[in-house]
C-alpha atoms as a PDB file:
ATOM      1  CA  MET A   1      73.734 -14.950 -54.473  1.00  0.00           C
ATOM      2  CA  LYS A   2      70.757 -12.989 -55.819  1.00  0.00           C
ATOM      3  CA  PHE A   3      68.458 -14.979 -53.470  1.00  0.00           C
ATOM      4  CA  GLN A   4      70.406 -14.034 -50.356  1.00  0.00           C
ATOM      5  CA  PRO A   5      68.466 -10.799 -49.569  1.00  0.00           C
ATOM      6  CA  LEU A   6      65.147 -12.661 -49.795  1.00  0.00           C
ATOM      7  CA  LEU A   7      66.454 -15.426 -47.563  1.00  0.00           C
ATOM      8  CA  CYS A   8      67.696 -12.901 -45.037  1.00  0.00           C
ATOM      9  CA  PHE A   9      64.310 -11.176 -45.024  1.00  0.00           C
ATOM     10  CA  ALA A  10      62.489 -14.471 -44.424  1.00  0.00           C
ATOM     11  CA  LEU A  11      64.838 -15.380 -41.576  1.00  0.00           C
ATOM     12  CA  ALA A  12      64.355 -11.935 -40.053  1.00  0.00           C
ATOM     13  CA  CYS A  13      60.570 -12.384 -40.127  1.00  0.00           C
ATOM     14  CA  LEU A  14      60.815 -15.776 -38.455  1.00  0.00           C
ATOM     15  CA  THR A  15      63.118 -14.341 -35.793  1.00  0.00           C
ATOM     16  CA  THR A  16      60.649 -11.514 -35.144  1.00  0.00           C
ATOM     17  CA  PHE A  17      57.768 -13.967 -34.721  1.00  0.00           C
ATOM     18  CA  ALA A  18      59.836 -16.140 -32.368  1.00  0.00           C
ATOM     19  CA  HIS A  19      61.013 -13.245 -30.183  1.00  0.00           C
ATOM     20  CA  ALA A  20      57.514 -11.764 -29.960  1.00  0.00           C
ATOM     21  CA  GLU A  21      55.995 -15.107 -28.949  1.00  0.00           C
ATOM     22  CA  ASP A  22      58.471 -15.346 -26.077  1.00  0.00           C
ATOM     23  CA  ALA A  23      56.771 -12.288 -24.529  1.00  0.00           C
ATOM     24  CA  VAL A  24      53.272 -13.828 -24.471  1.00  0.00           C
ATOM     25  CA  ARG A  25      51.775 -14.361 -21.023  1.00  0.00           C
ATOM     26  CA  THR A  26      49.049 -16.930 -20.285  1.00  0.00           C
ATOM     27  CA  GLU A  27      46.331 -17.341 -17.686  1.00  0.00           C
ATOM     28  CA  LYS A  28      44.905 -20.854 -17.577  1.00  0.00           C
ATOM     29  CA  ASN A  29      41.483 -22.198 -16.684  1.00  0.00           C
ATOM     30  CA  ILE A  30      39.664 -18.919 -16.159  1.00  0.00           C
ATOM     31  CA  ALA A  31      36.025 -19.207 -15.091  1.00  0.00           C
ATOM     32  CA  TYR A  32      33.886 -17.246 -17.561  1.00  0.00           C
ATOM     33  CA  LEU A  33      30.597 -19.139 -17.198  1.00  0.00           C
ATOM     34  CA  PRO A  34      28.314 -19.534 -14.146  1.00  0.00           C
ATOM     35  CA  ALA A  35      29.816 -21.394 -11.192  1.00  0.00           C
ATOM     36  CA  GLU A  36      28.025 -24.666 -11.930  1.00  0.00           C
ATOM     37  CA  ARG A  37      29.652 -24.967 -15.376  1.00  0.00           C
ATOM     38  CA  LYS A  38      32.901 -26.912 -15.733  1.00  0.00           C
ATOM     39  CA  GLU A  39      34.060 -25.289 -18.998  1.00  0.00           C
ATOM     40  CA  LYS A  40      36.895 -22.788 -18.629  1.00  0.00           C
ATOM     41  CA  ALA A  41      39.006 -20.442 -20.776  1.00  0.00           C
ATOM     42  CA  ASP A  42      42.686 -19.756 -21.387  1.00  0.00           C
ATOM     43  CA  LEU A  43      43.981 -16.231 -21.913  1.00  0.00           C
ATOM     44  CA  TYR A  44      46.932 -15.310 -24.113  1.00  0.00           C
ATOM     45  CA  LEU A  45      48.131 -11.847 -23.191  1.00  0.00           C
ATOM     46  CA  PRO A  46      50.532  -9.500 -24.991  1.00  0.00           C
ATOM     47  CA  ALA A  47      53.335  -7.681 -23.265  1.00  0.00           C
ATOM     48  CA  ASP A  48      51.947  -5.056 -20.893  1.00  0.00           C
ATOM     49  CA  ASP A  49      52.865  -1.765 -22.528  1.00  0.00           C
ATOM     50  CA  GLY A  50      50.252   0.359 -20.776  1.00  0.00           C
ATOM     51  CA  THR A  51      47.992   0.655 -23.833  1.00  0.00           C
ATOM     52  CA  LYS A  52      44.640  -0.876 -24.686  1.00  0.00           C
ATOM     53  CA  HIS A  53      44.665  -3.895 -26.991  1.00  0.00           C
ATOM     54  CA  PRO A  54      41.996  -5.363 -29.254  1.00  0.00           C
ATOM     55  CA  ALA A  55      40.780  -8.834 -28.328  1.00  0.00           C
ATOM     56  CA  VAL A  56      40.060 -12.045 -30.222  1.00  0.00           C
ATOM     57  CA  LEU A  57      37.896 -14.952 -29.118  1.00  0.00           C
ATOM     58  CA  ILE A  58      39.218 -18.383 -30.219  1.00  0.00           C
ATOM     59  CA  ILE A  59      36.677 -21.216 -30.669  1.00  0.00           C
ATOM     60  CA  HIS A  60      37.948 -24.784 -31.046  1.00  0.00           C
ATOM     61  CA  GLY A  61      36.549 -27.383 -33.420  1.00  0.00           C
ATOM     62  CA  GLY A  62      35.579 -31.002 -32.937  1.00  0.00           C
ATOM     63  CA  GLY A  63      32.223 -31.560 -34.603  1.00  0.00           C
ATOM     64  CA  TRP A  64      30.369 -29.883 -31.678  1.00  0.00           C
ATOM     65  CA  THR A  65      31.082 -33.112 -29.744  1.00  0.00           C
ATOM     66  CA  GLY A  66      34.799 -32.863 -28.925  1.00  0.00           C
ATOM     67  CA  GLY A  67      37.868 -30.676 -29.005  1.00  0.00           C
ATOM     68  CA  LYS A  68      39.503 -28.537 -26.343  1.00  0.00           C
ATOM     69  CA  LYS A  69      40.655 -24.982 -25.767  1.00  0.00           C
ATOM     70  CA  ASP A  70      44.355 -25.846 -25.587  1.00  0.00           C
ATOM     71  CA  ALA A  71      44.765 -28.045 -28.663  1.00  0.00           C
ATOM     72  CA  ALA A  72      47.699 -27.334 -30.991  1.00  0.00           C
ATOM     73  CA  ARG A  73      45.689 -25.115 -33.362  1.00  0.00           C
ATOM     74  CA  GLU A  74      44.304 -22.966 -30.563  1.00  0.00           C
ATOM     75  CA  ILE A  75      47.717 -22.561 -28.917  1.00  0.00           C
ATOM     76  CA  ASN A  76      49.207 -21.597 -32.282  1.00  0.00           C
ATOM     77  CA  ILE A  77      46.505 -18.990 -32.904  1.00  0.00           C
ATOM     78  CA  GLY A  78      46.558 -17.576 -29.378  1.00  0.00           C
ATOM     79  CA  THR A  79      50.338 -17.302 -29.250  1.00  0.00           C
ATOM     80  CA  THR A  80      50.570 -15.763 -32.718  1.00  0.00           C
ATOM     81  CA  LEU A  81      47.924 -13.122 -32.106  1.00  0.00           C
ATOM     82  CA  ALA A  82      48.997 -12.254 -28.554  1.00  0.00           C
ATOM     83  CA  SER A  83      52.560 -11.769 -29.754  1.00  0.00           C
ATOM     84  CA  HIS A  84      51.217  -9.098 -32.101  1.00  0.00           C
ATOM     85  CA  GLY A  85      49.238  -7.124 -29.576  1.00  0.00           C
ATOM     86  CA  TYR A  86      45.949  -9.017 -29.152  1.00  0.00           C
ATOM     87  CA  VAL A  87      44.320 -10.241 -25.960  1.00  0.00           C
ATOM     88  CA  CYS A  88      43.135 -13.745 -26.865  1.00  0.00           C
ATOM     89  CA  MET A  89      40.612 -15.936 -25.093  1.00  0.00           C
ATOM     90  CA  SER A  90      40.390 -19.610 -26.043  1.00  0.00           C
ATOM     91  CA  ILE A  91      37.320 -21.304 -24.610  1.00  0.00           C
ATOM     92  CA  ASP A  92      35.831 -24.659 -23.846  1.00  0.00           C
ATOM     93  CA  TYR A  93      32.061 -24.663 -24.372  1.00  0.00           C
ATOM     94  CA  GLN A  94      29.035 -26.964 -24.189  1.00  0.00           C
ATOM     95  CA  LEU A  95      29.640 -30.118 -26.238  1.00  0.00           C
ATOM     96  CA  ASP A  96      27.114 -32.754 -27.169  1.00  0.00           C
ATOM     97  CA  ASP A  97      27.205 -35.836 -24.977  1.00  0.00           C
ATOM     98  CA  PRO A  98      24.762 -38.532 -26.184  1.00  0.00           C
ATOM     99  CA  ALA A  99      24.605 -39.921 -22.648  1.00  0.00           C
ATOM    100  CA  SER A 100      23.360 -36.605 -21.263  1.00  0.00           C
ATOM    101  CA  PRO A 101      19.904 -35.063 -21.677  1.00  0.00           C
ATOM    102  CA  THR A 102      21.562 -31.650 -22.059  1.00  0.00           C
ATOM    103  CA  LEU A 103      21.523 -30.412 -25.647  1.00  0.00           C
ATOM    104  CA  CYS A 104      24.592 -28.616 -26.954  1.00  0.00           C
ATOM    105  CA  TRP A 105      22.658 -26.216 -29.219  1.00  0.00           C
ATOM    106  CA  PRO A 106      22.130 -23.347 -28.744  1.00  0.00           C
ATOM    107  CA  GLN A 107      24.062 -23.462 -25.449  1.00  0.00           C
ATOM    108  CA  ASN A 108      27.363 -23.730 -27.330  1.00  0.00           C
ATOM    109  CA  LEU A 109      26.598 -20.465 -29.133  1.00  0.00           C
ATOM    110  CA  HIS A 110      25.435 -18.883 -25.884  1.00  0.00           C
ATOM    111  CA  ASP A 111      28.804 -19.804 -24.344  1.00  0.00           C
ATOM    112  CA  CYS A 112      30.695 -18.173 -27.218  1.00  0.00           C
ATOM    113  CA  LYS A 113      28.622 -15.013 -26.896  1.00  0.00           C
ATOM    114  CA  THR A 114      29.105 -15.036 -23.128  1.00  0.00           C
ATOM    115  CA  ALA A 115      32.856 -15.122 -23.723  1.00  0.00           C
ATOM    116  CA  VAL A 116      32.625 -11.967 -25.847  1.00  0.00           C
ATOM    117  CA  ARG A 117      30.667 -10.297 -23.048  1.00  0.00           C
ATOM    118  CA  TRP A 118      33.241 -11.507 -20.499  1.00  0.00           C
ATOM    119  CA  LEU A 119      36.018  -9.831 -22.470  1.00  0.00           C
ATOM    120  CA  ARG A 120      34.112  -6.548 -22.401  1.00  0.00           C
ATOM    121  CA  ALA A 121      33.225  -6.887 -18.711  1.00  0.00           C
ATOM    122  CA  ASN A 122      36.925  -7.458 -17.903  1.00  0.00           C
ATOM    123  CA  ALA A 123      38.276  -4.898 -20.335  1.00  0.00           C
ATOM    124  CA  GLU A 124      39.749  -2.642 -17.656  1.00  0.00           C
ATOM    125  CA  ARG A 125      41.758  -5.394 -15.947  1.00  0.00           C
ATOM    126  CA  LEU A 126      43.001  -6.868 -19.216  1.00  0.00           C
ATOM    127  CA  HIS A 127      43.596  -3.509 -20.957  1.00  0.00           C
ATOM    128  CA  ILE A 128      41.173  -4.392 -23.760  1.00  0.00           C
ATOM    129  CA  ASP A 129      39.792  -1.980 -26.324  1.00  0.00           C
ATOM    130  CA  ALA A 130      36.202  -3.192 -25.887  1.00  0.00           C
ATOM    131  CA  ALA A 131      35.080  -1.570 -29.139  1.00  0.00           C
ATOM    132  CA  HIS A 132      37.348  -3.861 -31.162  1.00  0.00           C
ATOM    133  CA  ILE A 133      36.811  -7.582 -30.604  1.00  0.00           C
ATOM    134  CA  GLY A 134      37.133 -10.293 -33.266  1.00  0.00           C
ATOM    135  CA  VAL A 135      36.489 -14.020 -33.362  1.00  0.00           C
ATOM    136  CA  ILE A 136      38.285 -16.941 -35.012  1.00  0.00           C
ATOM    137  CA  GLY A 137      37.491 -20.648 -35.096  1.00  0.00           C
ATOM    138  CA  GLY A 138      38.234 -23.826 -36.996  1.00  0.00           C
ATOM    139  CA  SER A 139      35.769 -26.418 -38.326  1.00  0.00           C
ATOM    140  CA  ALA A 140      32.840 -26.526 -35.853  1.00  0.00           C
ATOM    141  CA  GLY A 141      34.553 -23.552 -34.236  1.00  0.00           C
ATOM    142  CA  GLY A 142      34.490 -21.806 -37.606  1.00  0.00           C
ATOM    143  CA  HIS A 143      30.740 -22.386 -37.764  1.00  0.00           C
ATOM    144  CA  LEU A 144      30.285 -20.968 -34.258  1.00  0.00           C
ATOM    145  CA  ALA A 145      32.567 -18.019 -35.051  1.00  0.00           C
ATOM    146  CA  ALA A 146      30.408 -17.222 -38.063  1.00  0.00           C
ATOM    147  CA  MET A 147      27.275 -17.513 -35.930  1.00  0.00           C
ATOM    148  CA  VAL A 148      28.686 -15.093 -33.356  1.00  0.00           C
ATOM    149  CA  GLY A 149      29.369 -12.672 -36.197  1.00  0.00           C
ATOM    150  CA  VAL A 150      25.993 -12.794 -37.934  1.00  0.00           C
ATOM    151  CA  THR A 151      23.462 -13.217 -35.103  1.00  0.00           C
ATOM    152  CA  GLY A 152      22.434 -10.000 -33.402  1.00  0.00           C
ATOM    153  CA  PRO A 153      19.838  -9.621 -30.623  1.00  0.00           C
ATOM    154  CA  GLU A 154      17.043  -9.795 -33.199  1.00  0.00           C
ATOM    155  CA  ALA A 155      17.955 -13.435 -33.923  1.00  0.00           C
ATOM    156  CA  GLY A 156      16.909 -14.443 -30.410  1.00  0.00           C
ATOM    157  CA  LEU A 157      20.172 -16.307 -29.793  1.00  0.00           C
ATOM    158  CA  ASP A 158      21.806 -13.992 -27.255  1.00  0.00           C
ATOM    159  CA  PRO A 159      21.932 -15.464 -23.726  1.00  0.00           C
ATOM    160  CA  ALA A 160      20.059 -13.565 -21.030  1.00  0.00           C
ATOM    161  CA  SER A 161      23.024 -13.716 -18.647  1.00  0.00           C
ATOM    162  CA  PRO A 162      25.712 -13.427 -17.366  1.00  0.00           C
ATOM    163  CA  ASP A 163      26.930  -9.904 -18.178  1.00  0.00           C
ATOM    164  CA  GLY A 164      23.684  -9.223 -19.987  1.00  0.00           C
ATOM    165  CA  ASP A 165      24.494  -5.498 -20.022  1.00  0.00           C
ATOM    166  CA  GLN A 166      27.450  -6.157 -22.355  1.00  0.00           C
ATOM    167  CA  SER A 167      27.264  -6.526 -26.141  1.00  0.00           C
ATOM    168  CA  CYS A 168      27.851  -9.912 -27.805  1.00  0.00           C
ATOM    169  CA  GLY A 169      28.795  -8.194 -31.068  1.00  0.00           C
ATOM    170  CA  VAL A 170      32.159  -8.628 -32.795  1.00  0.00           C
ATOM    171  CA  GLN A 171      33.854  -6.456 -35.375  1.00  0.00           C
ATOM    172  CA  CYS A 172      35.260  -9.192 -37.649  1.00  0.00           C
ATOM    173  CA  VAL A 173      35.269 -12.961 -38.167  1.00  0.00           C
ATOM    174  CA  VAL A 174      37.887 -15.482 -39.309  1.00  0.00           C
ATOM    175  CA  ASP A 175      36.171 -18.716 -40.327  1.00  0.00           C
ATOM    176  CA  MET A 176      38.620 -21.581 -40.843  1.00  0.00           C
ATOM    177  CA  TYR A 177      36.949 -24.353 -42.881  1.00  0.00           C
ATOM    178  CA  GLY A 178      33.659 -24.220 -41.003  1.00  0.00           C
ATOM    179  CA  PRO A 179      30.443 -25.663 -42.455  1.00  0.00           C
ATOM    180  CA  ALA A 180      27.832 -23.105 -43.491  1.00  0.00           C
ATOM    181  CA  SER A 181      25.069 -24.960 -45.309  1.00  0.00           C
ATOM    182  CA  PHE A 182      23.244 -28.009 -43.940  1.00  0.00           C
ATOM    183  CA  GLU A 183      20.859 -28.641 -46.807  1.00  0.00           C
ATOM    184  CA  ASN A 184      22.428 -32.006 -47.618  1.00  0.00           C
ATOM    185  CA  ARG A 185      23.807 -33.183 -44.307  1.00  0.00           C
ATOM    186  CA  ASP A 186      22.541 -34.190 -40.892  1.00  0.00           C
ATOM    187  CA  VAL A 187      24.386 -33.105 -37.748  1.00  0.00           C
ATOM    188  CA  THR A 188      24.734 -35.783 -35.077  1.00  0.00           C
ATOM    189  CA  ALA A 189      25.132 -33.166 -32.352  1.00  0.00           C
ATOM    190  CA  LEU A 190      21.643 -31.800 -33.079  1.00  0.00           C
ATOM    191  CA  ARG A 191      20.143 -35.257 -32.341  1.00  0.00           C
ATOM    192  CA  LYS A 192      17.586 -34.863 -35.117  1.00  0.00           C
ATOM    193  CA  THR A 193      17.766 -35.168 -38.870  1.00  0.00           C
ATOM    194  CA  ARG A 194      17.070 -32.272 -41.176  1.00  0.00           C
ATOM    195  CA  ALA A 195      13.902 -34.047 -42.314  1.00  0.00           C
ATOM    196  CA  GLU A 196      12.722 -34.270 -38.706  1.00  0.00           C
ATOM    197  CA  ALA A 197      13.547 -30.670 -37.746  1.00  0.00           C
ATOM    198  CA  PRO A 198      14.032 -28.334 -40.737  1.00  0.00           C
ATOM    199  CA  ASP A 199      13.500 -25.221 -38.591  1.00  0.00           C
ATOM    200  CA  LEU A 200      16.261 -26.341 -36.228  1.00  0.00           C
ATOM    201  CA  TYR A 201      18.668 -26.693 -39.142  1.00  0.00           C
ATOM    202  CA  ARG A 202      17.737 -23.255 -40.476  1.00  0.00           C
ATOM    203  CA  GLN A 203      18.436 -21.814 -37.033  1.00  0.00           C
ATOM    204  CA  PHE A 204      21.804 -23.608 -37.016  1.00  0.00           C
ATOM    205  CA  SER A 205      23.042 -22.157 -40.326  1.00  0.00           C
ATOM    206  CA  PRO A 206      24.805 -18.782 -40.579  1.00  0.00           C
ATOM    207  CA  LEU A 207      23.301 -18.367 -44.041  1.00  0.00           C
ATOM    208  CA  THR A 208      19.929 -17.757 -42.380  1.00  0.00           C
ATOM    209  CA  TYR A 209      21.042 -14.514 -40.745  1.00  0.00           C
ATOM    210  CA  LEU A 210      23.216 -12.691 -43.280  1.00  0.00           C
ATOM    211  CA  ASP A 211      22.578  -9.007 -43.916  1.00  0.00           C
ATOM    212  CA  LYS A 212      24.660  -6.039 -45.019  1.00  0.00           C
ATOM    213  CA  SER A 213      25.306  -4.898 -41.438  1.00  0.00           C
ATOM    214  CA  ASP A 214      27.342  -8.032 -40.636  1.00  0.00           C
ATOM    215  CA  PRO A 215      31.070  -7.668 -39.865  1.00  0.00           C
ATOM    216  CA  PRO A 216      33.837  -8.479 -42.369  1.00  0.00           C
ATOM    217  CA  PHE A 217      34.799 -12.131 -42.905  1.00  0.00           C
ATOM    218  CA  LEU A 218      38.073 -13.855 -43.760  1.00  0.00           C
ATOM    219  CA  ILE A 219      37.442 -17.463 -44.829  1.00  0.00           C
ATOM    220  CA  LEU A 220      40.260 -20.027 -44.991  1.00  0.00           C
ATOM    221  CA  HIS A 221      39.846 -23.479 -46.534  1.00  0.00           C
ATOM    222  CA  GLY A 222      42.050 -26.200 -48.006  1.00  0.00           C
ATOM    223  CA  THR A 223      41.362 -28.055 -51.237  1.00  0.00           C
ATOM    224  CA  ALA A 224      42.309 -31.411 -49.667  1.00  0.00           C
ATOM    225  CA  ASP A 225      39.755 -31.141 -46.845  1.00  0.00           C
ATOM    226  CA  LYS A 226      37.981 -34.503 -46.517  1.00  0.00           C
ATOM    227  CA  THR A 227      35.839 -33.501 -43.528  1.00  0.00           C
ATOM    228  CA  VAL A 228      34.266 -30.195 -44.601  1.00  0.00           C
ATOM    229  CA  ASP A 229      34.321 -29.832 -48.362  1.00  0.00           C
ATOM    230  CA  VAL A 230      35.795 -26.590 -49.672  1.00  0.00           C
ATOM    231  CA  GLU A 231      32.460 -26.042 -51.426  1.00  0.00           C
ATOM    232  CA  GLN A 232      31.064 -25.043 -48.024  1.00  0.00           C
ATOM    233  CA  SER A 233      33.292 -21.988 -47.927  1.00  0.00           C
ATOM    234  CA  LYS A 234      32.478 -21.176 -51.530  1.00  0.00           C
ATOM    235  CA  ILE A 235      28.771 -21.231 -50.647  1.00  0.00           C
ATOM    236  CA  LEU A 236      29.407 -18.839 -47.754  1.00  0.00           C
ATOM    237  CA  ASP A 237      31.587 -16.648 -49.974  1.00  0.00           C
ATOM    238  CA  ALA A 238      28.780 -16.327 -52.546  1.00  0.00           C
ATOM    239  CA  ALA A 239      26.174 -15.606 -49.859  1.00  0.00           C
ATOM    240  CA  LEU A 240      28.320 -12.878 -48.296  1.00  0.00           C
ATOM    241  CA  ALA A 241      28.870 -11.322 -51.721  1.00  0.00           C
ATOM    242  CA  LYS A 242      25.122 -11.332 -52.419  1.00  0.00           C
ATOM    243  CA  GLN A 243      24.490  -9.387 -49.215  1.00  0.00           C
ATOM    244  CA  GLY A 244      27.324  -6.945 -49.830  1.00  0.00           C
ATOM    245  CA  ILE A 245      29.262  -8.026 -46.733  1.00  0.00           C
ATOM    246  CA  LYS A 246      33.008  -7.359 -46.861  1.00  0.00           C
ATOM    247  CA  HIS A 247      34.843 -10.644 -47.106  1.00  0.00           C
ATOM    248  CA  GLN A 248      37.795 -12.563 -48.498  1.00  0.00           C
ATOM    249  CA  LEU A 249      38.029 -16.255 -49.348  1.00  0.00           C
ATOM    250  CA  GLU A 250      41.518 -17.743 -49.242  1.00  0.00           C
ATOM    251  CA  ILE A 251      41.705 -21.256 -50.693  1.00  0.00           C
ATOM    252  CA  ILE A 252      44.911 -23.087 -49.770  1.00  0.00           C
ATOM    253  CA  GLU A 253      45.891 -25.599 -52.409  1.00  0.00           C
ATOM    254  CA  GLY A 254      46.587 -29.027 -50.940  1.00  0.00           C
ATOM    255  CA  ALA A 255      45.766 -28.122 -47.333  1.00  0.00           C
ATOM    256  CA  PRO A 256      43.758 -30.746 -45.387  1.00  0.00           C
ATOM    257  CA  HIS A 257      41.264 -30.283 -42.581  1.00  0.00           C
ATOM    258  CA  THR A 258      42.336 -28.934 -39.175  1.00  0.00           C
ATOM    259  CA  PHE A 259      45.316 -26.749 -40.020  1.00  0.00           C
ATOM    260  CA  HIS A 260      46.499 -23.820 -37.897  1.00  0.00           C
ATOM    261  CA  LEU A 261      48.085 -20.564 -39.059  1.00  0.00           C
ATOM    262  CA  GLN A 262      51.234 -22.304 -40.307  1.00  0.00           C
ATOM    263  CA  PRO A 263      50.247 -25.234 -42.512  1.00  0.00           C
ATOM    264  CA  LYS A 264      53.097 -26.546 -44.610  1.00  0.00           C
ATOM    265  CA  GLN A 265      51.335 -25.350 -47.766  1.00  0.00           C
ATOM    266  CA  LYS A 266      51.381 -21.649 -46.814  1.00  0.00           C
ATOM    267  CA  ASP A 267      52.214 -19.417 -43.859  1.00  0.00           C
ATOM    268  CA  LEU A 268      48.860 -17.777 -43.092  1.00  0.00           C
ATOM    269  CA  ARG A 269      50.063 -15.587 -40.244  1.00  0.00           C
ATOM    270  CA  PRO A 270      50.679 -12.457 -42.363  1.00  0.00           C
ATOM    271  CA  LEU A 271      47.220 -12.751 -43.962  1.00  0.00           C
ATOM    272  CA  VAL A 272      45.350 -13.279 -40.693  1.00  0.00           C
ATOM    273  CA  LEU A 273      47.291 -10.606 -38.836  1.00  0.00           C
ATOM    274  CA  ALA A 274      46.704  -8.110 -41.636  1.00  0.00           C
ATOM    275  CA  PHE A 275      42.966  -8.853 -41.545  1.00  0.00           C
ATOM    276  CA  PHE A 276      42.691  -8.402 -37.784  1.00  0.00           C
ATOM    277  CA  ASP A 277      44.915  -5.314 -37.863  1.00  0.00           C
ATOM    278  CA  LYS A 278      42.708  -3.721 -40.521  1.00  0.00           C
ATOM    279  CA  HIS A 279      39.482  -4.242 -38.625  1.00  0.00           C
ATOM    280  CA  LEU A 280      40.548  -4.200 -34.968  1.00  0.00           C
ATOM    281  CA  LYS A 281      43.365  -1.656 -34.840  1.00  0.00           C
ATOM    282  CA  PRO A 282      41.977   1.751 -35.862  1.00  0.00           C
ATOM    283  CA  ALA A 283      45.448   3.207 -36.452  1.00  0.00           C
ATOM    284  CA  ALA A 284      46.189   0.399 -38.938  1.00  0.00           C
ATOM    285  CA  LYS A 285      43.259   1.240 -41.214  1.00  0.00           C
END
């Protein structure tokens, strides 16, 4: 019987999550890029309580060649965060298509930054606190989330338009098992090897841009990841520490690649929500 209070508490938490998620509203296939672009966004909106809410950009994975804005992971993240008071925007962005002459880099990063600007430009309609926007992504999306976080205007990777009067900056980053270092790997989506284009690979790595002014990071990675080795997150963790950037590395024992906020190994919702609350909700600090 001594375990009954703990069980009751756990059930109460699950009930709270479930009831809150029922209140989430969605807007599908929102145009956030110029009219000629086919990529769209989905919005996950909290209950309208008349107050301003922080926002979070969600970036899907897929090796920069695939993936979609409404995959299971992205729905899980958007629903979880919106049910706790965040306006969430899950985007499709430029992917690499070998049959097309169009390169995905740096257009994919430009698209992510444009999405941040779009959130600020539409802050009044969506009741967004434009001073508090975060970003989260998994795998290739984790890489792009990190790049959004660490590349300011001085990096030369901000798009000229649309909404060029709005900032691309974010206040915190959640990187879920994204690659950080490309010293020993070639990236098919870049269409060149590291030996052929070392400057391109330096431009592509978040490690190139780190400095003490960068926003806080939460890094999540599983020890059973066979796609992006957990060592990648350890490398990023060490680099962030060297620059004095606030960060936390959470290694999930036994978790594979491509998990959402509720892998069977550990419920990550409390950790992620606490991180976003700390950095995006001023009253929670």
